[in-house]
Protein backbone atom coordinates (compact mmCIF):
# COMPACT_ATOMS: atom_id res chain seq x y z
CA MET A 1 35.55 19.87 -33.27
CA LEU A 2 32.37 18.12 -34.43
CA GLN A 3 34.28 14.85 -34.78
CA ASN A 4 35.30 15.00 -31.11
CA LEU A 5 31.72 15.73 -30.04
CA THR A 6 30.09 12.85 -31.97
CA PRO A 7 31.24 9.98 -29.67
CA VAL A 8 30.02 11.93 -26.64
CA LEU A 9 26.58 12.41 -28.22
CA VAL A 10 26.39 8.72 -29.17
CA LEU A 11 27.32 7.72 -25.61
CA LEU A 12 24.73 10.11 -24.20
CA ALA A 13 22.06 8.72 -26.53
CA VAL A 14 22.94 5.14 -25.48
CA LEU A 15 22.75 6.04 -21.78
CA VAL A 16 19.36 7.73 -22.22
CA GLY A 17 18.13 4.68 -24.14
CA ILE A 18 19.30 2.35 -21.36
CA ALA A 19 17.55 4.53 -18.76
CA PHE A 20 14.25 4.36 -20.68
CA ALA A 21 14.63 0.60 -21.17
CA LEU A 22 15.18 0.08 -17.43
CA LYS A 23 12.17 2.24 -16.61
CA TRP A 24 10.02 0.23 -19.02
CA ALA A 25 11.27 -3.10 -17.64
CA ARG A 26 10.67 -2.03 -14.05
CA ARG A 27 6.97 -1.43 -14.78
CA ARG A 28 6.49 -4.56 -16.91
CA LEU A 29 8.36 -7.30 -15.08
CA PRO A 30 6.54 -8.92 -12.12
CA GLY A 31 8.24 -8.41 -8.78
CA ALA A 32 10.75 -5.94 -10.16
CA ALA A 33 8.97 -2.77 -9.03
CA GLY A 34 6.55 -3.95 -6.35
CA HIS A 35 7.27 -4.36 -2.72
CA SER A 36 8.56 -7.74 -1.60
CA GLY A 37 6.89 -7.68 1.82
CA PRO A 38 3.60 -9.15 2.96
CA PRO A 39 0.43 -8.46 0.95
CA MET A 40 -1.35 -5.24 1.92
CA GLN A 41 -4.93 -4.12 1.36
CA LEU A 42 -6.56 -0.79 2.11
CA LEU A 43 -9.73 -1.43 4.13
CA SER A 44 -10.99 2.12 4.64
CA GLN A 45 -9.91 5.69 5.19
CA LEU A 46 -11.35 8.74 6.91
CA SER A 47 -10.32 12.29 6.09
CA LEU A 48 -9.64 14.40 9.18
CA GLY A 49 -8.59 17.55 7.39
CA PRO A 50 -7.11 18.76 4.12
CA GLN A 51 -3.94 16.71 4.59
CA GLN A 52 -4.65 14.29 7.45
CA ARG A 53 -6.30 10.87 7.23
CA VAL A 54 -6.89 7.82 9.37
CA VAL A 55 -6.41 4.65 7.34
CA THR A 56 -7.12 1.00 8.18
CA MET A 57 -5.04 -1.59 6.33
CA GLN A 58 -4.90 -5.36 6.33
CA ILE A 59 -1.38 -6.76 6.30
CA GLY A 60 -0.61 -10.43 5.65
CA GLN A 61 -2.73 -13.44 4.72
CA GLY A 62 -4.50 -16.30 6.46
CA GLU A 63 -3.95 -16.63 10.19
CA ASP A 64 -1.19 -14.00 10.09
CA ARG A 65 -3.54 -11.17 9.06
CA VAL A 66 -3.15 -7.97 11.06
CA CYS A 67 -5.24 -4.80 10.90
CA LEU A 68 -3.32 -1.53 11.26
CA VAL A 69 -4.92 1.80 12.06
CA LEU A 70 -2.59 4.47 10.68
CA GLY A 71 -2.50 8.23 11.03
CA VAL A 72 -1.32 9.70 7.73
CA SER A 73 -0.13 13.29 7.36
CA PRO A 74 2.12 14.94 4.76
CA GLY A 75 5.31 14.35 6.72
CA SER A 76 4.67 11.02 8.44
CA VAL A 77 2.71 7.82 8.87
CA ASN A 78 2.11 6.76 12.48
CA THR A 79 0.67 3.49 13.78
CA LEU A 80 -2.28 4.36 16.01
CA HIS A 81 -3.40 0.80 16.74
CA GLN A 82 -2.60 -2.76 15.69
CA MET A 83 -4.89 -5.77 16.11
CA LYS A 84 -5.02 -9.34 14.90
CA MET A 85 -7.81 -9.91 12.37
CA PRO A 86 -10.59 -12.17 13.69
CA ALA A 87 -10.69 -15.59 12.04
CA ASP A 88 -14.40 -15.31 11.21
CA LEU A 89 -13.91 -12.31 8.89
CA PRO A 90 -13.55 -12.98 5.16
CA GLU A 91 -10.03 -13.14 3.76
CA SER A 92 -10.33 -9.90 1.78
CA PRO A 93 -13.00 -7.60 3.20
CA ILE A 94 -14.07 -4.80 0.91
CA ALA A 95 -15.04 -1.42 2.34
CA THR A 96 -18.24 0.08 0.97
CA PRO A 97 -19.78 3.46 1.78
CA ALA A 98 -22.26 1.75 4.13
CA SER A 99 -19.41 0.05 5.98
CA GLY A 100 -16.99 2.94 6.37
CA PHE A 101 -14.25 3.41 8.91
CA ALA A 102 -16.52 3.76 11.96
CA ALA A 103 -18.54 0.65 11.08
CA ARG A 104 -15.39 -1.36 10.35
CA LEU A 105 -13.71 -0.30 13.60
CA ALA A 106 -16.87 -1.14 15.59
CA GLN A 107 -17.03 -4.56 13.93
CA LEU A 108 -13.42 -5.35 14.81
CA THR A 109 -13.63 -4.15 18.41
CA GLN A 110 -16.88 -5.92 19.39
CA PRO A 111 -16.46 -8.82 21.82
CA PRO A 112 -16.98 -12.24 20.20
CA LYS A 113 -20.54 -13.61 20.29
CA PRO A 114 -20.99 -16.77 22.43
CA HIS A 115 -21.73 -19.88 20.40
CA ALA A 116 -25.06 -21.58 21.12
């Protein structure tokens, strides 16, 4: 009986080893685990309740940058607003406590200043 069980245990051990090797490779190899879409960056987030947030994200690079305002809840992510990023903003803005969601949204929705 034990002789019939040994090949099954060896096969099981090999399969578990392959699963761990694939898991390791997925985390280590570039591009294997990440998303293959446009670059994304979290700009800011505002908590509305224990499980609800409003999040602003920058999607894309260069002239194709878009700012998304997302409503995030446990069961869904909804696009609340989408706007093209102004060209005069830096390529990768960083949100700080002094420039939270309200300040960032006000900055993006202000009309452009006339040039002198």
